[in-house]
Amino acid sequence: PEAALPFLKTALEANQQQRQFWISYLNALI
């Protein structure tokens, strides 16, 4: 999950309208 965080953060910053991006980033942080 630590390795995933930069990619998921970039995805969310690029498109905050995509609900799944929030969920995936939140899950990885947890």
PDB file of all heavy atoms in Angstrom:
ATOM      1  N   PRO A   1       0.798  -1.233   0.000  1.00  0.00           N
ATOM      2  CA  PRO A   1       0.000   0.000   0.000  1.00  0.00           C
ATOM      3  C   PRO A   1       0.825   1.276   0.000  1.00  0.00           C
ATOM      4  O   PRO A   1       0.416   2.279  -0.579  1.00  0.00           O
ATOM      5  CB  PRO A   1      -0.841  -0.127   1.284  1.00  0.00           C
ATOM      6  CG  PRO A   1      -0.058  -1.051   2.160  1.00  0.00           C
ATOM      7  CD  PRO A   1       0.585  -2.034   1.222  1.00  0.00           C
ATOM      8  N   GLU A   2       2.003   1.236   0.659  1.00  0.00           N
ATOM      9  CA  GLU A   2       2.837   2.443   0.670  1.00  0.00           C
ATOM     10  C   GLU A   2       3.283   2.816  -0.738  1.00  0.00           C
ATOM     11  O   GLU A   2       3.298   3.993  -1.108  1.00  0.00           O
ATOM     12  CB  GLU A   2       4.070   2.233   1.562  1.00  0.00           C
ATOM     13  CG  GLU A   2       3.773   2.054   3.034  1.00  0.00           C
ATOM     14  CD  GLU A   2       3.500   0.602   3.388  1.00  0.00           C
ATOM     15  OE1 GLU A   2       3.446  -0.242   2.462  1.00  0.00           O
ATOM     16  OE2 GLU A   2       3.329   0.310   4.586  1.00  0.00           O
ATOM     17  N   ALA A   3       3.643   1.788  -1.526  1.00  0.00           N
ATOM     18  CA  ALA A   3       4.073   2.048  -2.905  1.00  0.00           C
ATOM     19  C   ALA A   3       2.924   2.554  -3.759  1.00  0.00           C
ATOM     20  O   ALA A   3       3.137   3.248  -4.760  1.00  0.00           O
ATOM     21  CB  ALA A   3       4.655   0.769  -3.514  1.00  0.00           C
ATOM     22  N   ALA A   4       1.702   2.215  -3.378  1.00  0.00           N
ATOM     23  CA  ALA A   4       0.530   2.612  -4.158  1.00  0.00           C
ATOM     24  C   ALA A   4       0.161   4.077  -3.970  1.00  0.00           C
ATOM     25  O   ALA A   4      -0.444   4.693  -4.860  1.00  0.00           O
ATOM     26  CB  ALA A   4      -0.672   1.742  -3.760  1.00  0.00           C
ATOM     27  N   LEU A   5       0.512   4.645  -2.841  1.00  0.00           N
ATOM     28  CA  LEU A   5       0.009   5.973  -2.478  1.00  0.00           C
ATOM     29  C   LEU A   5       0.333   7.074  -3.488  1.00  0.00           C
ATOM     30  O   LEU A   5      -0.560   7.867  -3.826  1.00  0.00           O
ATOM     31  CB  LEU A   5       0.516   6.362  -1.087  1.00  0.00           C
ATOM     32  CG  LEU A   5      -0.005   5.494   0.061  1.00  0.00           C
ATOM     33  CD1 LEU A   5       0.611   5.928   1.390  1.00  0.00           C
ATOM     34  CD2 LEU A   5      -1.526   5.550   0.129  1.00  0.00           C
ATOM     35  N   PRO A   6       1.567   7.184  -4.003  1.00  0.00           N
ATOM     36  CA  PRO A   6       1.835   8.260  -4.967  1.00  0.00           C
ATOM     37  C   PRO A   6       0.971   8.165  -6.223  1.00  0.00           C
ATOM     38  O   PRO A   6       0.515   9.185  -6.748  1.00  0.00           O
ATOM     39  CB  PRO A   6       3.320   8.079  -5.302  1.00  0.00           C
ATOM     40  CG  PRO A   6       3.887   7.325  -4.156  1.00  0.00           C
ATOM     41  CD  PRO A   6       2.795   6.418  -3.693  1.00  0.00           C
ATOM     42  N   PHE A   7       0.737   6.937  -6.697  1.00  0.00           N
ATOM     43  CA  PHE A   7      -0.075   6.755  -7.898  1.00  0.00           C
ATOM     44  C   PHE A   7      -1.540   7.122  -7.633  1.00  0.00           C
ATOM     45  O   PHE A   7      -2.181   7.807  -8.439  1.00  0.00           O
ATOM     46  CB  PHE A   7       0.019   5.307  -8.380  1.00  0.00           C
ATOM     47  CG  PHE A   7       1.404   4.891  -8.761  1.00  0.00           C
ATOM     48  CD1 PHE A   7       2.117   4.003  -7.970  1.00  0.00           C
ATOM     49  CD2 PHE A   7       2.021   5.393  -9.896  1.00  0.00           C
ATOM     50  CE1 PHE A   7       3.403   3.616  -8.303  1.00  0.00           C
ATOM     51  CE2 PHE A   7       3.310   5.013 -10.252  1.00  0.00           C
ATOM     52  CZ  PHE A   7       3.998   4.124  -9.443  1.00  0.00           C
ATOM     53  N   LEU A   8      -2.058   6.673  -6.506  1.00  0.00           N
ATOM     54  CA  LEU A   8      -3.455   6.947  -6.180  1.00  0.00           C
ATOM     55  C   LEU A   8      -3.679   8.433  -5.884  1.00  0.00           C
ATOM     56  O   LEU A   8      -4.729   8.988  -6.231  1.00  0.00           O
ATOM     57  CB  LEU A   8      -3.891   6.092  -4.988  1.00  0.00           C
ATOM     58  CG  LEU A   8      -3.898   4.590  -5.257  1.00  0.00           C
ATOM     59  CD1 LEU A   8      -4.168   3.811  -3.974  1.00  0.00           C
ATOM     60  CD2 LEU A   8      -4.933   4.229  -6.321  1.00  0.00           C
ATOM     61  N   LYS A   9      -2.699   9.059  -5.270  1.00  0.00           N
ATOM     62  CA  LYS A   9      -2.803  10.495  -5.012  1.00  0.00           C
ATOM     63  C   LYS A   9      -2.808  11.275  -6.316  1.00  0.00           C
ATOM     64  O   LYS A   9      -3.610  12.214  -6.495  1.00  0.00           O
ATOM     65  CB  LYS A   9      -1.640  10.956  -4.132  1.00  0.00           C
ATOM     66  CG  LYS A   9      -1.698  12.436  -3.788  1.00  0.00           C
ATOM     67  CD  LYS A   9      -0.521  12.831  -2.906  1.00  0.00           C
ATOM     68  CE  LYS A   9      -0.577  14.313  -2.556  1.00  0.00           C
ATOM     69  NZ  LYS A   9       0.587  14.734  -1.733  1.00  0.00           N
ATOM     70  N   THR A  10      -1.939  10.886  -7.249  1.00  0.00           N
ATOM     71  CA  THR A  10      -1.889  11.552  -8.551  1.00  0.00           C
ATOM     72  C   THR A  10      -3.207  11.389  -9.294  1.00  0.00           C
ATOM     73  O   THR A  10      -3.711  12.336  -9.908  1.00  0.00           O
ATOM     74  CB  THR A  10      -0.738  10.975  -9.401  1.00  0.00           C
ATOM     75  OG1 THR A  10       0.504  11.224  -8.737  1.00  0.00           O
ATOM     76  CG2 THR A  10      -0.698  11.629 -10.779  1.00  0.00           C
ATOM     77  N   ALA A  11      -3.776  10.183  -9.236  1.00  0.00           N
ATOM     78  CA  ALA A  11      -5.053   9.927  -9.908  1.00  0.00           C
ATOM     79  C   ALA A  11      -6.150  10.817  -9.338  1.00  0.00           C
ATOM     80  O   ALA A  11      -6.931  11.426 -10.083  1.00  0.00           O
ATOM     81  CB  ALA A  11      -5.436   8.456  -9.760  1.00  0.00           C
ATOM     82  N   LEU A  12      -6.201  10.915  -8.021  1.00  0.00           N
ATOM     83  CA  LEU A  12      -7.241  11.721  -7.380  1.00  0.00           C
ATOM     84  C   LEU A  12      -7.063  13.195  -7.691  1.00  0.00           C
ATOM     85  O   LEU A  12      -8.039  13.904  -7.963  1.00  0.00           O
ATOM     86  CB  LEU A  12      -7.215  11.496  -5.868  1.00  0.00           C
ATOM     87  CG  LEU A  12      -8.267  12.255  -5.051  1.00  0.00           C
ATOM     88  CD1 LEU A  12      -9.669  11.890  -5.520  1.00  0.00           C
ATOM     89  CD2 LEU A  12      -8.101  11.967  -3.565  1.00  0.00           C
ATOM     90  N   GLU A  13      -5.830  13.663  -7.672  1.00  0.00           N
ATOM     91  CA  GLU A  13      -5.573  15.068  -7.991  1.00  0.00           C
ATOM     92  C   GLU A  13      -5.941  15.387  -9.430  1.00  0.00           C
ATOM     93  O   GLU A  13      -6.353  16.501  -9.746  1.00  0.00           O
ATOM     94  CB  GLU A  13      -4.101  15.397  -7.726  1.00  0.00           C
ATOM     95  CG  GLU A  13      -3.736  15.420  -6.244  1.00  0.00           C
ATOM     96  CD  GLU A  13      -2.249  15.607  -6.018  1.00  0.00           C
ATOM     97  OE1 GLU A  13      -1.481  15.441  -6.991  1.00  0.00           O
ATOM     98  OE2 GLU A  13      -1.855  15.904  -4.871  1.00  0.00           O
ATOM     99  N   ALA A  14      -5.799  14.384 -10.314  1.00  0.00           N
ATOM    100  CA  ALA A  14      -6.111  14.596 -11.729  1.00  0.00           C
ATOM    101  C   ALA A  14      -7.610  14.600 -11.992  1.00  0.00           C
ATOM    102  O   ALA A  14      -8.081  15.252 -12.926  1.00  0.00           O
ATOM    103  CB  ALA A  14      -5.444  13.516 -12.582  1.00  0.00           C
ATOM    104  N   ASN A  15      -8.356  13.872 -11.169  1.00  0.00           N
ATOM    105  CA  ASN A  15      -9.808  13.785 -11.384  1.00  0.00           C
ATOM    106  C   ASN A  15     -10.520  13.511 -10.069  1.00  0.00           C
ATOM    107  O   ASN A  15     -10.744  12.368  -9.680  1.00  0.00           O
ATOM    108  CB  ASN A  15     -10.127  12.684 -12.393  1.00  0.00           C
ATOM    109  CG  ASN A  15     -11.619  12.627 -12.724  1.00  0.00           C
ATOM    110  OD1 ASN A  15     -12.395  13.475 -12.282  1.00  0.00           O
ATOM    111  ND2 ASN A  15     -12.012  11.638 -13.485  1.00  0.00           N
ATOM    112  N   GLN A  16     -10.904  14.583  -9.383  1.00  0.00           N
ATOM    113  CA  GLN A  16     -11.594  14.441  -8.104  1.00  0.00           C
ATOM    114  C   GLN A  16     -13.063  14.081  -8.268  1.00  0.00           C
ATOM    115  O   GLN A  16     -13.757  13.806  -7.279  1.00  0.00           O
ATOM    116  CB  GLN A  16     -11.463  15.730  -7.292  1.00  0.00           C
ATOM    117  CG  GLN A  16     -10.043  16.024  -6.852  1.00  0.00           C
ATOM    118  CD  GLN A  16      -9.968  17.123  -5.811  1.00  0.00           C
ATOM    119  OE1 GLN A  16     -10.982  17.647  -5.349  1.00  0.00           O
ATOM    120  NE2 GLN A  16      -8.759  17.466  -5.418  1.00  0.00           N
ATOM    121  N   GLN A  17     -13.539  14.060  -9.496  1.00  0.00           N
ATOM    122  CA  GLN A  17     -14.931  13.697  -9.741  1.00  0.00           C
ATOM    123  C   GLN A  17     -15.120  12.176  -9.783  1.00  0.00           C
ATOM    124  O   GLN A  17     -16.250  11.695  -9.727  1.00  0.00           O
ATOM    125  CB  GLN A  17     -15.412  14.301 -11.067  1.00  0.00           C
ATOM    126  CG  GLN A  17     -15.312  15.816 -11.123  1.00  0.00           C
ATOM    127  CD  GLN A  17     -16.071  16.490  -9.998  1.00  0.00           C
ATOM    128  OE1 GLN A  17     -17.222  16.151  -9.721  1.00  0.00           O
ATOM    129  NE2 GLN A  17     -15.418  17.444  -9.330  1.00  0.00           N
ATOM    130  N   GLN A  18     -14.023  11.459  -9.905  1.00  0.00           N
ATOM    131  CA  GLN A  18     -14.115   9.998  -9.966  1.00  0.00           C
ATOM    132  C   GLN A  18     -14.183   9.446  -8.546  1.00  0.00           C
ATOM    133  O   GLN A  18     -13.200   9.437  -7.807  1.00  0.00           O
ATOM    134  CB  GLN A  18     -12.890   9.439 -10.715  1.00  0.00           C
ATOM    135  CG  GLN A  18     -12.757   7.933 -10.728  1.00  0.00           C
ATOM    136  CD  GLN A  18     -13.953   7.219 -11.317  1.00  0.00           C
ATOM    137  OE1 GLN A  18     -14.826   6.775 -10.574  1.00  0.00           O
ATOM    138  NE2 GLN A  18     -14.000   7.124 -12.652  1.00  0.00           N
ATOM    139  N   ARG A  19     -15.353   8.956  -8.164  1.00  0.00           N
ATOM    140  CA  ARG A  19     -15.601   8.471  -6.800  1.00  0.00           C
ATOM    141  C   ARG A  19     -14.660   7.336  -6.411  1.00  0.00           C
ATOM    142  O   ARG A  19     -14.171   7.271  -5.275  1.00  0.00           O
ATOM    143  CB  ARG A  19     -17.059   8.019  -6.699  1.00  0.00           C
ATOM    144  CG  ARG A  19     -17.478   7.459  -5.357  1.00  0.00           C
ATOM    145  CD  ARG A  19     -18.990   7.217  -5.358  1.00  0.00           C
ATOM    146  NE  ARG A  19     -19.425   6.495  -4.200  1.00  0.00           N
ATOM    147  CZ  ARG A  19     -19.450   5.158  -4.121  1.00  0.00           C
ATOM    148  NH1 ARG A  19     -19.067   4.438  -5.161  1.00  0.00           N
ATOM    149  NH2 ARG A  19     -19.864   4.559  -3.028  1.00  0.00           N
ATOM    150  N   GLN A  20     -14.385   6.450  -7.349  1.00  0.00           N
ATOM    151  CA  GLN A  20     -13.533   5.299  -7.040  1.00  0.00           C
ATOM    152  C   GLN A  20     -12.124   5.722  -6.668  1.00  0.00           C
ATOM    153  O   GLN A  20     -11.457   5.047  -5.879  1.00  0.00           O
ATOM    154  CB  GLN A  20     -13.491   4.340  -8.231  1.00  0.00           C
ATOM    155  CG  GLN A  20     -12.752   3.038  -7.944  1.00  0.00           C
ATOM    156  CD  GLN A  20     -13.361   2.265  -6.797  1.00  0.00           C
ATOM    157  OE1 GLN A  20     -14.584   2.059  -6.759  1.00  0.00           O
ATOM    158  NE2 GLN A  20     -12.528   1.839  -5.851  1.00  0.00           N
ATOM    159  N   PHE A  21     -11.664   6.852  -7.187  1.00  0.00           N
ATOM    160  CA  PHE A  21     -10.324   7.322  -6.853  1.00  0.00           C
ATOM    161  C   PHE A  21     -10.233   7.668  -5.364  1.00  0.00           C
ATOM    162  O   PHE A  21      -9.222   7.398  -4.709  1.00  0.00           O
ATOM    163  CB  PHE A  21      -9.954   8.541  -7.692  1.00  0.00           C
ATOM    164  CG  PHE A  21      -9.733   8.239  -9.156  1.00  0.00           C
ATOM    165  CD1 PHE A  21      -9.446   9.265 -10.044  1.00  0.00           C
ATOM    166  CD2 PHE A  21      -9.813   6.939  -9.644  1.00  0.00           C
ATOM    167  CE1 PHE A  21      -9.235   8.995 -11.399  1.00  0.00           C
ATOM    168  CE2 PHE A  21      -9.609   6.660 -10.995  1.00  0.00           C
ATOM    169  CZ  PHE A  21      -9.316   7.691 -11.873  1.00  0.00           C
ATOM    170  N   TRP A  22     -11.276   8.287  -4.836  1.00  0.00           N
ATOM    171  CA  TRP A  22     -11.328   8.604  -3.407  1.00  0.00           C
ATOM    172  C   TRP A  22     -11.298   7.331  -2.571  1.00  0.00           C
ATOM    173  O   TRP A  22     -10.539   7.222  -1.598  1.00  0.00           O
ATOM    174  CB  TRP A  22     -12.593   9.397  -3.073  1.00  0.00           C
ATOM    175  CG  TRP A  22     -12.610  10.806  -3.556  1.00  0.00           C
ATOM    176  CD1 TRP A  22     -13.117  11.260  -4.743  1.00  0.00           C
ATOM    177  CD2 TRP A  22     -12.095  11.959  -2.882  1.00  0.00           C
ATOM    178  NE1 TRP A  22     -12.956  12.619  -4.845  1.00  0.00           N
ATOM    179  CE2 TRP A  22     -12.341  13.077  -3.712  1.00  0.00           C
ATOM    180  CE3 TRP A  22     -11.468  12.157  -1.653  1.00  0.00           C
ATOM    181  CZ2 TRP A  22     -11.963  14.367  -3.351  1.00  0.00           C
ATOM    182  CZ3 TRP A  22     -11.095  13.449  -1.283  1.00  0.00           C
ATOM    183  CH2 TRP A  22     -11.334  14.532  -2.132  1.00  0.00           C
ATOM    184  N   ILE A  23     -12.112   6.375  -2.957  1.00  0.00           N
ATOM    185  CA  ILE A  23     -12.227   5.134  -2.196  1.00  0.00           C
ATOM    186  C   ILE A  23     -10.916   4.363  -2.209  1.00  0.00           C
ATOM    187  O   ILE A  23     -10.458   3.864  -1.168  1.00  0.00           O
ATOM    188  CB  ILE A  23     -13.380   4.273  -2.766  1.00  0.00           C
ATOM    189  CG1 ILE A  23     -14.716   4.983  -2.525  1.00  0.00           C
ATOM    190  CG2 ILE A  23     -13.390   2.880  -2.141  1.00  0.00           C
ATOM    191  CD1 ILE A  23     -15.887   4.349  -3.233  1.00  0.00           C
ATOM    192  N   SER A  24     -10.294   4.260  -3.375  1.00  0.00           N
ATOM    193  CA  SER A  24      -9.041   3.512  -3.484  1.00  0.00           C
ATOM    194  C   SER A  24      -7.924   4.179  -2.690  1.00  0.00           C
ATOM    195  O   SER A  24      -7.131   3.503  -2.018  1.00  0.00           O
ATOM    196  CB  SER A  24      -8.631   3.374  -4.955  1.00  0.00           C
ATOM    197  OG  SER A  24      -9.573   2.621  -5.677  1.00  0.00           O
ATOM    198  N   TYR A  25      -7.841   5.504  -2.769  1.00  0.00           N
ATOM    199  CA  TYR A  25      -6.799   6.222  -2.029  1.00  0.00           C
ATOM    200  C   TYR A  25      -7.023   6.090  -0.530  1.00  0.00           C
ATOM    201  O   TYR A  25      -6.086   5.843   0.244  1.00  0.00           O
ATOM    202  CB  TYR A  25      -6.793   7.685  -2.453  1.00  0.00           C
ATOM    203  CG  TYR A  25      -5.641   8.503  -1.899  1.00  0.00           C
ATOM    204  CD1 TYR A  25      -4.375   7.946  -1.718  1.00  0.00           C
ATOM    205  CD2 TYR A  25      -5.810   9.849  -1.576  1.00  0.00           C
ATOM    206  CE1 TYR A  25      -3.322   8.698  -1.225  1.00  0.00           C
ATOM    207  CE2 TYR A  25      -4.751  10.615  -1.092  1.00  0.00           C
ATOM    208  CZ  TYR A  25      -3.516  10.035  -0.909  1.00  0.00           C
ATOM    209  OH  TYR A  25      -2.470  10.784  -0.427  1.00  0.00           O
ATOM    210  N   LEU A  26      -8.274   6.227  -0.099  1.00  0.00           N
ATOM    211  CA  LEU A  26      -8.607   6.090   1.313  1.00  0.00           C
ATOM    212  C   LEU A  26      -8.246   4.695   1.814  1.00  0.00           C
ATOM    213  O   LEU A  26      -7.647   4.532   2.876  1.00  0.00           O
ATOM    214  CB  LEU A  26     -10.092   6.368   1.526  1.00  0.00           C
ATOM    215  CG  LEU A  26     -10.640   6.180   2.952  1.00  0.00           C
ATOM    216  CD1 LEU A  26      -9.912   7.095   3.926  1.00  0.00           C
ATOM    217  CD2 LEU A  26     -12.136   6.451   2.975  1.00  0.00           C
ATOM    218  N   ASN A  27      -8.605   3.683   1.038  1.00  0.00           N
ATOM    219  CA  ASN A  27      -8.298   2.304   1.424  1.00  0.00           C
ATOM    220  C   ASN A  27      -6.795   2.080   1.546  1.00  0.00           C
ATOM    221  O   ASN A  27      -6.319   1.432   2.497  1.00  0.00           O
ATOM    222  CB  ASN A  27      -8.885   1.335   0.405  1.00  0.00           C
ATOM    223  CG  ASN A  27      -8.553  -0.103   0.719  1.00  0.00           C
ATOM    224  OD1 ASN A  27      -8.977  -0.655   1.729  1.00  0.00           O
ATOM    225  ND2 ASN A  27      -7.785  -0.741  -0.145  1.00  0.00           N
ATOM    226  N   ALA A  28      -6.023   2.606   0.597  1.00  0.00           N
ATOM    227  CA  ALA A  28      -4.568   2.429   0.631  1.00  0.00           C
ATOM    228  C   ALA A  28      -3.954   3.127   1.850  1.00  0.00           C
ATOM    229  O   ALA A  28      -3.037   2.589   2.486  1.00  0.00           O
ATOM    230  CB  ALA A  28      -3.940   2.970  -0.650  1.00  0.00           C
ATOM    231  N   LEU A  29      -4.453   4.311   2.174  1.00  0.00           N
ATOM    232  CA  LEU A  29      -3.959   5.026   3.356  1.00  0.00           C
ATOM    233  C   LEU A  29      -4.233   4.230   4.627  1.00  0.00           C
ATOM    234  O   LEU A  29      -3.387   4.152   5.519  1.00  0.00           O
ATOM    235  CB  LEU A  29      -4.612   6.405   3.453  1.00  0.00           C
ATOM    236  CG  LEU A  29      -4.118   7.454   2.455  1.00  0.00           C
ATOM    237  CD1 LEU A  29      -5.054   8.660   2.440  1.00  0.00           C
ATOM    238  CD2 LEU A  29      -2.692   7.891   2.782  1.00  0.00           C
ATOM    239  N   ILE A  30      -5.413   3.639   4.697  1.00  0.00           N
ATOM    240  CA  ILE A  30      -5.757   2.821   5.864  1.00  0.00           C
ATOM    241  C   ILE A  30      -4.850   1.597   5.934  1.00  0.00           C
ATOM    242  O   ILE A  30      -4.333   1.249   7.001  1.00  0.00           O
ATOM    243  CB  ILE A  30      -7.238   2.408   5.817  1.00  0.00           C
ATOM    244  CG1 ILE A  30      -8.142   3.643   5.981  1.00  0.00           C
ATOM    245  CG2 ILE A  30      -7.555   1.390   6.918  1.00  0.00           C
ATOM    246  CD1 ILE A  30      -9.615   3.360   5.777  1.00  0.00           C
TER     247      ILE A  30
END
